[in-house]
N, C-alpha and C. Protein backbone atom coordinates (compact mmCIF):
# COMPACT_ATOMS: atom_id res chain seq x y z
N MET A 1 129.79 -86.48 174.43
CA MET A 1 129.13 -86.61 175.74
C MET A 1 130.24 -87.25 176.66
N SER A 2 130.38 -86.64 177.89
CA SER A 2 131.36 -87.16 178.81
C SER A 2 130.88 -88.43 179.41
N ASN A 3 131.85 -89.17 180.02
CA ASN A 3 131.56 -90.41 180.70
C ASN A 3 130.63 -90.22 181.89
N VAL A 4 130.81 -89.08 182.60
CA VAL A 4 129.97 -88.82 183.76
C VAL A 4 128.56 -88.63 183.33
N VAL A 5 128.25 -87.80 182.29
CA VAL A 5 126.96 -87.54 181.83
C VAL A 5 126.31 -88.83 181.29
N PHE A 6 127.05 -89.63 180.55
CA PHE A 6 126.53 -90.87 180.02
C PHE A 6 126.14 -91.79 181.19
N ALA A 7 127.03 -91.94 182.13
CA ALA A 7 126.70 -92.83 183.32
C ALA A 7 125.52 -92.32 184.07
N ALA A 8 125.36 -91.03 184.22
CA ALA A 8 124.29 -90.46 185.08
C ALA A 8 122.94 -90.46 184.34
N THR A 9 122.96 -90.68 183.01
CA THR A 9 121.70 -90.63 182.30
C THR A 9 121.40 -92.02 181.71
N PHE A 10 122.08 -92.35 180.64
CA PHE A 10 121.76 -93.58 179.90
C PHE A 10 122.02 -94.85 180.73
N LEU A 11 123.21 -94.90 181.30
CA LEU A 11 123.58 -96.12 182.15
C LEU A 11 122.68 -96.20 183.33
N ALA A 12 122.38 -95.06 183.98
CA ALA A 12 121.48 -95.12 185.14
C ALA A 12 120.08 -95.55 184.74
N ALA A 13 119.60 -95.05 183.59
CA ALA A 13 118.30 -95.44 183.10
C ALA A 13 118.25 -96.94 182.77
N ALA A 14 119.31 -97.44 182.18
CA ALA A 14 119.34 -98.85 181.87
C ALA A 14 119.37 -99.72 183.09
N THR A 15 120.06 -99.34 184.07
CA THR A 15 120.08 -100.19 185.38
C THR A 15 118.81 -100.05 186.14
N ALA A 16 118.01 -98.97 185.89
CA ALA A 16 116.72 -98.77 186.59
C ALA A 16 115.56 -99.51 185.92
N LEU A 17 115.80 -100.15 184.79
CA LEU A 17 114.79 -100.82 184.04
C LEU A 17 113.97 -101.83 184.86
N PRO A 18 114.54 -102.61 185.70
CA PRO A 18 113.71 -103.49 186.54
C PRO A 18 112.71 -102.75 187.44
N GLU A 19 113.15 -101.61 187.99
CA GLU A 19 112.25 -100.78 188.82
C GLU A 19 111.12 -100.15 187.91
N VAL A 20 111.52 -99.76 186.70
CA VAL A 20 110.59 -99.14 185.77
C VAL A 20 109.47 -100.19 185.38
N SER A 21 109.98 -101.45 185.07
CA SER A 21 109.06 -102.50 184.69
C SER A 21 108.08 -102.86 185.89
N THR A 22 108.69 -103.03 187.03
CA THR A 22 107.81 -103.34 188.26
C THR A 22 106.91 -102.22 188.49
N GLY A 23 107.44 -100.98 188.49
CA GLY A 23 106.59 -99.85 188.78
C GLY A 23 105.43 -99.67 187.84
N LEU A 24 105.75 -99.86 186.54
CA LEU A 24 104.61 -99.72 185.57
C LEU A 24 103.53 -100.78 185.74
N GLN A 25 104.00 -102.02 185.96
CA GLN A 25 103.08 -103.10 186.09
C GLN A 25 102.21 -102.97 187.42
N SER A 26 102.90 -102.55 188.43
CA SER A 26 102.16 -102.38 189.72
C SER A 26 101.13 -101.24 189.64
N VAL A 27 101.48 -100.16 188.90
CA VAL A 27 100.47 -99.04 188.64
C VAL A 27 99.33 -99.51 187.79
N LYS A 28 99.72 -100.38 186.83
CA LYS A 28 98.65 -100.88 185.95
C LYS A 28 97.61 -101.68 186.71
N ILE A 29 98.11 -102.47 187.69
CA ILE A 29 97.13 -103.27 188.54
C ILE A 29 96.67 -102.51 189.82
N ARG A 30 97.05 -101.26 189.79
CA ARG A 30 96.61 -100.30 190.90
C ARG A 30 97.20 -100.71 192.27
N ASP A 31 98.36 -101.31 192.23
CA ASP A 31 99.08 -101.63 193.49
C ASP A 31 100.17 -100.53 193.74
N TYR A 32 99.70 -99.38 194.14
CA TYR A 32 100.53 -98.22 194.27
C TYR A 32 101.64 -98.42 195.41
N ASN A 33 101.18 -99.17 196.37
CA ASN A 33 102.15 -99.43 197.46
C ASN A 33 103.39 -100.17 196.94
N LEU A 34 103.18 -101.16 196.08
CA LEU A 34 104.29 -101.88 195.50
C LEU A 34 105.20 -101.02 194.68
N ALA A 35 104.61 -100.06 193.93
CA ALA A 35 105.46 -99.19 193.10
C ALA A 35 106.23 -98.25 193.97
N VAL A 36 105.62 -97.68 195.01
CA VAL A 36 106.38 -96.81 195.94
C VAL A 36 107.50 -97.57 196.65
N SER A 37 107.11 -98.70 197.12
CA SER A 37 108.10 -99.51 197.94
C SER A 37 109.21 -99.98 196.95
N ASP A 38 108.98 -100.30 195.77
CA ASP A 38 110.02 -100.75 194.85
C ASP A 38 110.98 -99.59 194.56
N ILE A 39 110.45 -98.39 194.30
CA ILE A 39 111.34 -97.26 193.96
C ILE A 39 112.14 -96.81 195.20
N PHE A 40 111.51 -96.61 196.32
CA PHE A 40 112.18 -96.18 197.52
C PHE A 40 113.11 -97.27 198.04
N GLY A 41 112.69 -98.51 197.94
CA GLY A 41 113.52 -99.66 198.46
C GLY A 41 114.80 -99.73 197.57
N GLY A 42 114.71 -99.59 196.31
CA GLY A 42 115.92 -99.62 195.49
C GLY A 42 116.84 -98.48 195.82
N ASN A 43 116.30 -97.30 196.02
CA ASN A 43 117.11 -96.13 196.38
C ASN A 43 117.73 -96.25 197.81
N ALA A 44 117.05 -96.96 198.66
CA ALA A 44 117.57 -97.12 200.02
C ALA A 44 118.72 -98.22 200.01
N PHE A 45 118.62 -99.19 199.10
CA PHE A 45 119.63 -100.23 199.02
C PHE A 45 120.90 -99.85 198.35
N LEU A 46 120.81 -99.11 197.21
CA LEU A 46 121.94 -98.74 196.40
C LEU A 46 123.17 -98.22 197.15
N PRO A 47 122.99 -97.28 198.14
CA PRO A 47 124.15 -96.82 198.82
C PRO A 47 124.91 -97.86 199.61
N VAL A 48 124.29 -98.99 199.90
CA VAL A 48 124.97 -100.10 200.57
C VAL A 48 126.10 -100.67 199.67
N LEU A 49 125.99 -100.44 198.41
CA LEU A 49 127.05 -100.86 197.46
C LEU A 49 128.37 -100.23 197.77
N PHE A 50 128.36 -99.08 198.42
CA PHE A 50 129.61 -98.48 198.81
C PHE A 50 130.32 -99.31 199.87
N PHE A 51 129.60 -100.01 200.73
CA PHE A 51 130.13 -100.93 201.72
C PHE A 51 130.84 -102.07 200.99
N LEU A 52 130.18 -102.66 199.97
CA LEU A 52 130.77 -103.69 199.19
C LEU A 52 132.03 -103.20 198.40
N ALA A 53 131.94 -102.03 197.87
CA ALA A 53 133.09 -101.49 197.19
C ALA A 53 134.33 -101.30 198.09
N ASP A 54 134.03 -100.85 199.33
CA ASP A 54 135.09 -100.73 200.30
C ASP A 54 135.70 -102.06 200.58
N LEU A 55 134.86 -103.09 200.86
CA LEU A 55 135.34 -104.44 201.11
C LEU A 55 136.19 -104.99 200.02
N LEU A 56 135.67 -104.82 198.81
CA LEU A 56 136.42 -105.41 197.65
C LEU A 56 137.72 -104.68 197.37
N SER A 57 137.75 -103.35 197.53
CA SER A 57 138.95 -102.60 197.19
C SER A 57 139.90 -102.53 198.39
N GLY A 58 139.41 -102.79 199.60
CA GLY A 58 140.29 -102.72 200.78
C GLY A 58 140.52 -101.28 201.22
N GLN A 59 139.83 -100.36 200.68
CA GLN A 59 139.98 -98.94 201.11
C GLN A 59 138.65 -98.22 200.95
N ALA A 60 138.49 -97.04 201.66
CA ALA A 60 137.35 -96.30 201.54
C ALA A 60 137.21 -95.71 200.06
N THR A 61 136.03 -95.85 199.52
CA THR A 61 135.90 -95.29 198.10
C THR A 61 135.39 -93.88 198.11
N LEU A 62 134.64 -93.45 199.00
CA LEU A 62 134.04 -92.08 198.92
C LEU A 62 135.06 -90.96 198.97
N PRO A 63 136.23 -91.14 199.60
CA PRO A 63 137.23 -90.03 199.52
C PRO A 63 137.71 -89.82 198.12
N HIS A 64 137.51 -90.76 197.22
CA HIS A 64 137.96 -90.65 195.81
C HIS A 64 136.84 -89.99 194.92
N ALA A 65 135.73 -89.64 195.53
CA ALA A 65 134.65 -89.10 194.72
C ALA A 65 135.12 -87.75 194.02
N MET A 66 134.60 -87.60 192.82
CA MET A 66 134.85 -86.40 192.07
C MET A 66 133.81 -85.39 192.36
N ASN A 67 134.02 -84.12 191.89
CA ASN A 67 132.99 -83.12 192.08
C ASN A 67 131.64 -83.49 191.43
N SER A 68 131.73 -84.16 190.27
CA SER A 68 130.50 -84.59 189.63
C SER A 68 129.72 -85.60 190.43
N ASP A 69 130.45 -86.44 191.16
CA ASP A 69 129.85 -87.42 192.05
C ASP A 69 129.10 -86.80 193.20
N VAL A 70 129.76 -85.76 193.80
CA VAL A 70 129.12 -85.04 194.86
C VAL A 70 127.91 -84.25 194.34
N TYR A 71 127.99 -83.70 193.18
CA TYR A 71 126.87 -83.03 192.53
C TYR A 71 125.69 -84.01 192.37
N LEU A 72 126.01 -85.16 191.83
CA LEU A 72 124.90 -86.14 191.59
C LEU A 72 124.29 -86.61 192.85
N ALA A 73 125.07 -86.84 193.91
CA ALA A 73 124.48 -87.18 195.19
C ALA A 73 123.60 -86.06 195.69
N ALA A 74 123.98 -84.85 195.58
CA ALA A 74 123.17 -83.72 196.07
C ALA A 74 121.87 -83.62 195.19
N LEU A 75 121.99 -83.90 193.91
CA LEU A 75 120.76 -83.91 193.07
C LEU A 75 119.80 -85.04 193.47
N GLY A 76 120.36 -86.21 193.74
CA GLY A 76 119.57 -87.32 194.22
C GLY A 76 118.85 -87.00 195.52
N ILE A 77 119.59 -86.37 196.46
CA ILE A 77 119.00 -85.99 197.77
C ILE A 77 117.90 -85.00 197.49
N LEU A 78 118.16 -84.00 196.67
CA LEU A 78 117.08 -82.99 196.36
C LEU A 78 115.84 -83.61 195.79
N LEU A 79 116.03 -84.46 194.79
CA LEU A 79 114.83 -85.11 194.17
C LEU A 79 114.07 -86.00 195.15
N THR A 80 114.77 -86.71 196.00
CA THR A 80 114.13 -87.56 197.03
C THR A 80 113.42 -86.65 198.05
N ALA A 81 114.02 -85.52 198.39
CA ALA A 81 113.39 -84.63 199.34
C ALA A 81 112.06 -84.06 198.79
N VAL A 82 111.97 -83.85 197.48
CA VAL A 82 110.72 -83.33 196.91
C VAL A 82 109.64 -84.45 197.13
N TYR A 83 110.02 -85.72 196.86
CA TYR A 83 109.04 -86.79 197.03
C TYR A 83 108.72 -87.02 198.45
N ILE A 84 109.65 -86.85 199.38
CA ILE A 84 109.39 -86.99 200.79
C ILE A 84 108.37 -85.90 201.22
N TYR A 85 108.53 -84.68 200.75
CA TYR A 85 107.49 -83.69 200.94
C TYR A 85 106.12 -84.18 200.37
N GLY A 86 106.15 -84.78 199.24
CA GLY A 86 104.83 -85.27 198.68
C GLY A 86 104.26 -86.39 199.52
N LEU A 87 105.09 -87.20 200.10
CA LEU A 87 104.62 -88.28 200.96
C LEU A 87 104.02 -87.79 202.23
N ILE A 88 104.62 -86.69 202.79
CA ILE A 88 104.18 -86.15 204.04
C ILE A 88 102.95 -85.25 203.91
N PHE A 89 102.93 -84.39 202.88
CA PHE A 89 101.86 -83.45 202.77
C PHE A 89 100.76 -83.89 201.74
N ARG A 90 101.03 -84.86 200.89
CA ARG A 90 100.15 -85.45 199.96
C ARG A 90 99.32 -84.47 199.14
N PRO A 91 99.99 -83.58 198.42
CA PRO A 91 99.31 -82.61 197.56
C PRO A 91 98.48 -83.27 196.48
N ARG A 92 97.28 -82.89 196.28
CA ARG A 92 96.38 -83.50 195.26
C ARG A 92 96.40 -82.78 193.99
N ARG A 93 96.94 -81.60 193.88
CA ARG A 93 96.93 -80.80 192.64
C ARG A 93 97.71 -81.53 191.58
N GLN A 94 97.19 -81.46 190.39
CA GLN A 94 97.82 -82.13 189.26
C GLN A 94 98.02 -81.11 188.08
N ILE A 95 99.16 -81.23 187.48
CA ILE A 95 99.45 -80.47 186.25
C ILE A 95 99.94 -81.49 185.19
N PHE A 96 99.37 -81.38 184.01
CA PHE A 96 99.73 -82.30 182.92
C PHE A 96 99.57 -83.82 183.32
N ARG A 97 98.52 -84.06 184.07
CA ARG A 97 98.14 -85.46 184.53
C ARG A 97 99.20 -86.04 185.49
N MET A 98 99.99 -85.20 186.11
CA MET A 98 100.97 -85.74 187.16
C MET A 98 100.86 -84.84 188.35
N GLY A 99 101.31 -85.41 189.49
CA GLY A 99 101.33 -84.70 190.74
C GLY A 99 102.35 -83.49 190.60
N ILE A 100 102.07 -82.51 191.38
CA ILE A 100 102.91 -81.31 191.36
C ILE A 100 104.35 -81.70 191.80
N ASP A 101 104.50 -82.62 192.69
CA ASP A 101 105.82 -83.10 193.08
C ASP A 101 106.54 -83.75 191.91
N SER A 102 105.85 -84.52 191.12
CA SER A 102 106.49 -85.12 189.95
C SER A 102 106.91 -84.07 188.91
N LEU A 103 106.13 -83.04 188.75
CA LEU A 103 106.46 -81.97 187.78
C LEU A 103 107.66 -81.26 188.28
N ILE A 104 107.75 -80.98 189.60
CA ILE A 104 108.92 -80.34 190.17
C ILE A 104 110.21 -81.16 189.94
N VAL A 105 110.03 -82.50 190.24
CA VAL A 105 111.16 -83.41 190.07
C VAL A 105 111.64 -83.39 188.62
N LEU A 106 110.72 -83.42 187.69
CA LEU A 106 111.04 -83.41 186.23
C LEU A 106 111.84 -82.16 185.90
N VAL A 107 111.37 -81.02 186.35
CA VAL A 107 112.09 -79.78 186.05
C VAL A 107 113.47 -79.79 186.77
N LEU A 108 113.51 -80.18 187.98
CA LEU A 108 114.78 -80.23 188.67
C LEU A 108 115.72 -81.22 188.05
N TYR A 109 115.28 -82.32 187.64
CA TYR A 109 116.11 -83.33 186.96
C TYR A 109 116.74 -82.76 185.70
N VAL A 110 115.92 -82.16 184.89
CA VAL A 110 116.41 -81.60 183.60
C VAL A 110 117.47 -80.50 183.89
N LEU A 111 117.14 -79.59 184.82
CA LEU A 111 118.13 -78.58 185.21
C LEU A 111 119.34 -79.18 185.83
N GLY A 112 119.16 -80.30 186.61
CA GLY A 112 120.32 -80.96 187.22
C GLY A 112 121.24 -81.52 186.20
N ILE A 113 120.67 -82.17 185.14
CA ILE A 113 121.54 -82.76 184.17
C ILE A 113 122.28 -81.65 183.38
N VAL A 114 121.60 -80.51 183.10
CA VAL A 114 122.25 -79.38 182.47
C VAL A 114 123.43 -78.90 183.38
N GLY A 115 123.18 -78.78 184.69
CA GLY A 115 124.21 -78.48 185.61
C GLY A 115 125.39 -79.46 185.67
N LEU A 116 125.02 -80.74 185.58
CA LEU A 116 126.05 -81.78 185.54
C LEU A 116 126.97 -81.66 184.34
N ILE A 117 126.41 -81.31 183.24
CA ILE A 117 127.20 -81.10 182.02
C ILE A 117 128.26 -79.99 182.35
N ALA A 118 127.80 -78.90 182.95
CA ALA A 118 128.70 -77.82 183.32
C ALA A 118 129.74 -78.31 184.31
N VAL A 119 129.33 -79.02 185.30
CA VAL A 119 130.33 -79.47 186.36
C VAL A 119 131.30 -80.45 185.69
N ALA A 120 130.82 -81.36 184.81
CA ALA A 120 131.74 -82.36 184.21
C ALA A 120 132.73 -81.68 183.28
N HIS A 121 132.42 -80.53 182.73
CA HIS A 121 133.35 -79.78 181.85
C HIS A 121 134.11 -78.81 182.62
N GLY A 122 134.00 -78.74 183.99
CA GLY A 122 134.74 -77.87 184.73
C GLY A 122 134.39 -76.37 184.76
N HIS A 123 133.13 -76.07 184.43
CA HIS A 123 132.69 -74.67 184.37
C HIS A 123 132.03 -74.31 185.64
């Protein structure tokens, strides 16, 4: 497994554990607003870390992004766009006990990781 794929899956999942924990607990107590705010708030804050990286390194970090980084950014934007659609149009249909937007995100994420493996290996 390449470093990029490991970082984009296992390392990303490990760093998301606080959001997972908070999200699960807030859903358990039916505080859905807290779950949504926690997830979108974390996603809104994380790009600010590029500012800190620039300050610490003394240079712009984004020009050094690899193709896999651009791919992951695009995948993140696509997945967020699906949920933005869900927030705006609020579809009620469920498949396998989940919203249609969550099912679409699941499929896109799996396909995205398969695509990342191809990008990481230069295919």
